Amino acid sequence: MTTHPPQTRILATEPLSAQPASAAPDRLGRLITIAATAMFVATGGAALSVLFDATGGISVDRVLLIALLLNIALILFGWRRDAAMREAALLNAAAEARALAQATRDPLTGLVNRRALVEDGCAMIAQAKRRYKAVALLMINIDQFRRINHHHGHAIGDALLREFADVIAVIAPAGALIARPGGDGFACA
């Protein structure tokens, strides 16, 4: 009398390690085949015709088919992940550039601020020392600027600051460091 092993029901919620050893590879193979086939169909499906013969049966060894489909699925996943990583890197670089500009530029005039004036000024002085050149720093304040803001409003005061920055930029020599350290003050080196 022959005894058969008891039938084991495989539930989708069971991990593969908890399923019988004979069922796990078969179930895993089916899942990989289904996932890779779905990816092929979603991406055009033209290569599937090579894998199936005219009668609709599989024309290559099942293990090789599963390995091929898994490799293709991994390649597609890698391409997608690479594209996502490249996009994230570009977004991070753009955000870093914006943060640097906000940290070193005056938003009203577009000139460098006090922080950048100190850093760029030190670099300018060091370069001038190496070349045995002199550096001059011109500090300019707009007299009675507070009165202009009080009598004519902040919009007019802001327009005056922008116009003043434009005039300094036109007058200053090429390569000059022009800054607005704050308030109604400007610097040119």
Protein backbone atom coordinates (compact mmCIF):
# COMPACT_ATOMS: atom_id res chain seq x y z
CA MET A 1 0.00 0.00 0.00
CA THR A 2 1.43 3.37 -1.02
CA THR A 3 1.06 6.39 1.20
CA HIS A 4 1.00 9.85 -0.26
CA PRO A 5 2.20 12.92 1.60
CA PRO A 6 -0.61 15.04 2.94
CA GLN A 7 -1.82 17.83 0.67
CA THR A 8 -0.68 21.26 1.81
CA ARG A 9 -2.63 24.34 0.95
CA ILE A 10 -0.46 27.32 -0.03
CA LEU A 11 -1.79 30.68 1.06
CA ALA A 12 -0.68 33.91 -0.54
CA THR A 13 -0.10 35.41 2.90
CA GLU A 14 2.40 32.73 3.90
CA PRO A 15 6.04 33.60 3.34
CA LEU A 16 7.81 31.35 0.85
CA SER A 17 10.04 29.99 3.61
CA ALA A 18 6.96 28.65 5.45
CA GLN A 19 5.62 26.83 2.38
CA PRO A 20 6.67 23.30 1.46
CA ALA A 21 10.04 23.09 -0.26
CA SER A 22 8.52 21.67 -3.44
CA ALA A 23 5.92 24.45 -3.72
CA ALA A 24 8.19 27.47 -3.10
CA PRO A 25 10.29 27.32 -6.31
CA ASP A 26 7.21 26.64 -8.44
CA ARG A 27 5.25 29.53 -6.90
CA LEU A 28 8.26 31.87 -7.06
CA GLY A 29 8.87 30.93 -10.68
CA ARG A 30 5.25 31.63 -11.56
CA LEU A 31 5.35 34.99 -9.79
CA ILE A 32 8.58 36.00 -11.54
CA THR A 33 7.22 34.85 -14.90
CA ILE A 34 3.98 36.79 -14.42
CA ALA A 35 5.79 39.94 -13.25
CA ALA A 36 8.36 39.86 -16.05
CA THR A 37 5.68 39.09 -18.67
CA ALA A 38 3.60 42.01 -17.41
CA MET A 39 6.65 44.26 -17.67
CA PHE A 40 7.28 43.03 -21.22
CA VAL A 41 3.70 43.69 -22.24
CA ALA A 42 3.80 47.13 -20.62
CA THR A 43 7.00 48.00 -22.51
CA GLY A 44 5.93 46.86 -25.95
CA GLY A 45 5.97 43.07 -25.71
CA ALA A 46 7.71 42.55 -29.04
CA ALA A 47 10.37 40.28 -27.54
CA LEU A 48 7.78 37.84 -26.17
CA SER A 49 7.12 36.41 -29.63
CA VAL A 50 10.68 35.03 -29.65
CA LEU A 51 10.10 33.13 -26.42
CA PHE A 52 6.90 31.37 -27.47
CA ASP A 53 6.55 29.04 -30.42
CA ALA A 54 3.69 29.01 -32.93
CA THR A 55 1.55 26.64 -30.84
CA GLY A 56 1.65 28.91 -27.82
CA GLY A 57 3.94 26.65 -25.77
CA ILE A 58 7.25 27.70 -24.30
CA SER A 59 10.08 26.93 -26.69
CA VAL A 60 12.97 27.28 -24.23
CA ASP A 61 13.80 25.62 -20.94
CA ARG A 62 11.62 26.99 -18.16
CA VAL A 63 14.53 27.82 -15.87
CA LEU A 64 16.26 29.77 -18.63
CA LEU A 65 13.03 31.58 -19.43
CA ILE A 66 12.56 32.60 -15.81
CA ALA A 67 16.19 33.71 -15.57
CA LEU A 68 15.88 35.69 -18.79
CA LEU A 69 12.67 37.39 -17.70
CA LEU A 70 14.09 38.13 -14.27
CA ASN A 71 17.21 39.66 -15.82
CA ILE A 72 15.10 41.79 -18.14
CA ALA A 73 12.92 42.87 -15.22
CA LEU A 74 16.02 43.80 -13.23
CA ILE A 75 17.45 45.75 -16.16
CA LEU A 76 14.18 47.66 -16.57
CA PHE A 77 14.07 48.31 -12.83
CA GLY A 78 17.70 49.49 -12.94
CA TRP A 79 17.01 51.87 -15.81
CA ARG A 80 14.00 53.28 -14.03
CA ARG A 81 15.92 53.64 -10.76
CA ASP A 82 18.85 55.27 -12.58
CA ALA A 83 16.50 57.79 -14.21
CA ALA A 84 14.91 58.54 -10.83
CA MET A 85 18.32 58.98 -9.20
CA ARG A 86 19.49 61.31 -12.00
CA GLU A 87 16.33 63.39 -11.65
CA ALA A 88 16.77 63.57 -7.88
CA ALA A 89 20.41 64.63 -8.31
CA LEU A 90 19.39 67.40 -10.72
CA LEU A 91 16.70 68.59 -8.32
CA ASN A 92 19.18 68.56 -5.43
CA ALA A 93 21.76 70.49 -7.45
CA ALA A 94 19.15 73.09 -8.42
CA ALA A 95 17.97 73.40 -4.82
CA GLU A 96 21.56 73.78 -3.63
CA ALA A 97 22.21 76.50 -6.21
CA ARG A 98 19.05 78.34 -5.12
CA ALA A 99 20.02 78.05 -1.46
CA LEU A 100 23.52 79.36 -2.19
CA ALA A 101 22.11 82.28 -4.18
CA GLN A 102 19.70 83.10 -1.35
CA ALA A 103 22.52 82.93 1.18
CA THR A 104 24.92 85.16 -0.78
CA ARG A 105 22.70 87.54 -2.78
CA ASP A 106 20.54 90.49 -1.81
CA PRO A 107 17.06 89.61 -3.09
CA LEU A 108 16.14 93.23 -3.86
CA THR A 109 19.14 94.33 -5.91
CA GLY A 110 20.74 91.03 -6.91
CA LEU A 111 24.10 92.24 -5.57
CA VAL A 112 26.17 90.14 -3.20
CA ASN A 113 25.31 90.57 0.49
CA ARG A 114 27.53 91.16 3.52
CA ARG A 115 28.45 87.50 3.90
CA ALA A 116 29.57 87.16 0.28
CA LEU A 117 31.30 90.57 0.43
CA VAL A 118 33.54 89.31 3.23
CA GLU A 119 34.33 86.02 1.47
CA ASP A 120 34.81 87.49 -2.02
CA GLY A 121 36.63 90.53 -0.60
CA CYS A 122 39.16 88.31 1.19
CA ALA A 123 39.72 86.37 -2.03
CA MET A 124 40.15 89.63 -3.96
CA ILE A 125 42.69 90.93 -1.43
CA ALA A 126 44.64 87.65 -1.51
CA GLN A 127 44.74 87.72 -5.31
CA ALA A 128 45.88 91.36 -5.28
CA LYS A 129 48.70 90.50 -2.84
CA ARG A 130 49.94 87.72 -5.12
CA ARG A 131 50.03 90.14 -8.05
CA TYR A 132 51.46 93.02 -6.01
CA LYS A 133 48.39 95.17 -6.73
CA ALA A 134 46.34 97.47 -4.51
CA VAL A 135 42.66 97.09 -3.62
CA ALA A 136 40.35 100.01 -2.85
CA LEU A 137 37.03 99.69 -1.04
CA LEU A 138 34.38 102.36 -1.56
CA MET A 139 31.48 102.45 0.93
CA ILE A 140 28.39 104.43 -0.13
CA ASN A 141 25.33 105.28 1.97
CA ILE A 142 22.21 107.01 0.66
CA ASP A 143 21.61 110.02 2.92
CA GLN A 144 18.12 110.48 4.35
CA PHE A 145 16.97 107.14 2.91
CA ARG A 146 14.73 106.54 5.90
CA ARG A 147 12.83 109.77 5.11
CA ILE A 148 12.29 108.60 1.52
CA ASN A 149 10.74 105.38 2.82
CA HIS A 150 8.51 107.24 5.31
CA HIS A 151 7.30 109.95 2.93
CA HIS A 152 7.01 108.02 -0.35
CA GLY A 153 6.58 104.42 0.80
CA HIS A 154 8.70 101.30 0.72
CA ALA A 155 7.93 100.56 -2.94
CA ILE A 156 9.60 103.85 -3.97
CA GLY A 157 12.49 103.17 -1.56
CA ASP A 158 12.99 99.70 -3.07
CA ALA A 159 12.92 101.15 -6.59
CA LEU A 160 15.55 103.72 -5.56
CA LEU A 161 17.81 100.97 -4.16
CA ARG A 162 17.48 98.91 -7.36
CA GLU A 163 18.21 101.96 -9.54
CA PHE A 164 21.20 102.92 -7.40
CA ALA A 165 22.58 99.36 -7.70
CA ASP A 166 22.18 99.52 -11.49
CA VAL A 167 24.02 102.86 -11.67
CA ILE A 168 26.91 101.53 -9.58
CA ALA A 169 27.11 98.42 -11.78
CA VAL A 170 27.37 100.58 -14.92
CA ILE A 171 29.99 102.92 -13.44
CA ALA A 172 32.16 100.28 -11.73
CA PRO A 173 35.05 98.77 -13.68
CA ALA A 174 34.82 95.25 -15.08
CA GLY A 175 35.55 92.63 -12.43
CA ALA A 176 34.65 94.94 -9.54
CA LEU A 177 32.99 93.49 -6.48
CA ILE A 178 29.72 95.34 -5.88
CA ALA A 179 27.70 94.55 -2.77
CA ARG A 180 24.79 95.71 -0.67
CA PRO A 181 25.80 94.83 2.88
CA GLY A 182 22.42 95.98 4.15
CA GLY A 183 19.98 98.86 4.50
CA ASP A 184 20.98 101.88 2.42
CA GLY A 185 24.68 100.91 2.23
CA PHE A 186 26.59 99.79 -0.83
CA ALA A 187 30.20 98.68 -1.26
CA CYS A 188 32.41 98.54 -4.32
CA ALA A 189 35.90 97.01 -4.41
